[in-house]
Structures are given as structure tokens and as C-alpha cells.
C-alpha atoms as a PDB file:
ATOM      1  CA  MET A   1     105.819  85.937  96.616  1.00  0.00           C
ATOM      2  CA  SER A   2     108.262  87.075  93.958  1.00  0.00           C
ATOM      3  CA  GLU A   3     111.949  87.430  94.617  1.00  0.00           C
ATOM      4  CA  ASN A   4     113.405  90.944  94.673  1.00  0.00           C
ATOM      5  CA  LYS A   5     116.719  91.567  93.031  1.00  0.00           C
ATOM      6  CA  GLN A   6     119.285  94.195  93.926  1.00  0.00           C
ATOM      7  CA  TYR A   7     118.098  97.720  93.043  1.00  0.00           C
ATOM      8  CA  ASP A   8     114.459  96.626  92.570  1.00  0.00           C
ATOM      9  CA  ALA A   9     111.928  98.984  94.125  1.00  0.00           C
ATOM     10  CA  ALA A  10     110.603  97.682  97.433  1.00  0.00           C
ATOM     11  CA  PRO A  11     107.009  96.437  97.289  1.00  0.00           C
ATOM     12  CA  ASP A  12     104.438  98.644  98.998  1.00  0.00           C
ATOM     13  CA  PHE A  13     103.429  97.471 102.474  1.00  0.00           C
ATOM     14  CA  THR A  14     101.478  98.651 105.506  1.00  0.00           C
ATOM     15  CA  ALA A  15     102.901  98.684 109.037  1.00  0.00           C
ATOM     16  CA  VAL A  16     102.024 100.188 112.409  1.00  0.00           C
ATOM     17  CA  ASP A  17     104.222 102.969 113.791  1.00  0.00           C
ATOM     18  CA  SER A  18     105.133 103.463 117.455  1.00  0.00           C
ATOM     19  CA  SER A  19     101.987 105.579 117.940  1.00  0.00           C
ATOM     20  CA  GLY A  20      99.724 102.817 116.647  1.00  0.00           C
ATOM     21  CA  ARG A  21      99.022 104.602 113.341  1.00  0.00           C
ATOM     22  CA  GLN A  22      98.995 102.553 110.136  1.00  0.00           C
ATOM     23  CA  ILE A  23     101.481 103.791 107.571  1.00  0.00           C
ATOM     24  CA  THR A  24     102.380 102.601 104.082  1.00  0.00           C
ATOM     25  CA  LEU A  25     105.687 102.761 102.301  1.00  0.00           C
ATOM     26  CA  SER A  26     104.009 104.604  99.415  1.00  0.00           C
ATOM     27  CA  GLU A  27     103.273 107.538 101.776  1.00  0.00           C
ATOM     28  CA  TYR A  28     107.001 108.262 101.695  1.00  0.00           C
ATOM     29  CA  LYS A  29     107.486 107.997  97.923  1.00  0.00           C
ATOM     30  CA  GLY A  30     109.523 110.960  96.700  1.00  0.00           C
ATOM     31  CA  LYS A  31     110.927 111.710 100.165  1.00  0.00           C
ATOM     32  CA  LYS A  32     114.696 111.851 100.477  1.00  0.00           C
ATOM     33  CA  ASN A  33     115.228 109.156 103.121  1.00  0.00           C
ATOM     34  CA  VAL A  34     113.206 106.304 104.555  1.00  0.00           C
ATOM     35  CA  LEU A  35     114.551 104.366 107.546  1.00  0.00           C
ATOM     36  CA  LEU A  36     113.097 100.951 108.329  1.00  0.00           C
ATOM     37  CA  ILE A  37     113.773  99.309 111.675  1.00  0.00           C
ATOM     38  CA  PHE A  38     112.558  95.805 112.373  1.00  0.00           C
ATOM     39  CA  ASN A  39     112.611  95.196 116.121  1.00  0.00           C
ATOM     40  CA  ARG A  40     112.893  91.494 116.866  1.00  0.00           C
ATOM     41  CA  GLY A  41     112.152  92.016 120.539  1.00  0.00           C
ATOM     42  CA  PHE A  42     113.800  90.338 123.486  1.00  0.00           C
ATOM     43  CA  GLN A  43     113.137  86.922 124.927  1.00  0.00           C
END
């Protein structure tokens, strides 16, 4: 895995949304805002 530097574009990735649908970061390319939340859960 390569190291990202400040202001580098984020690498494309696939994740599952709260509805169970797979989404990719590239689906939002050109949109004004993208908010990423990584829930660590509770133990």
C-alpha cells in the first residue's frame, strides 16, 4: 500500500452503506461534498 501525502486524491474504494448497498468513492466524483464516517462501534 502506498502512502498518501497531504492533498493527494483519495484512492477509490468500495463500502457498504446503511441500507446494505455497495457504493464506491468514484460514484461521488464531481459532487460538491463527500462525508465519510467510520463507526468504530461500541464494546
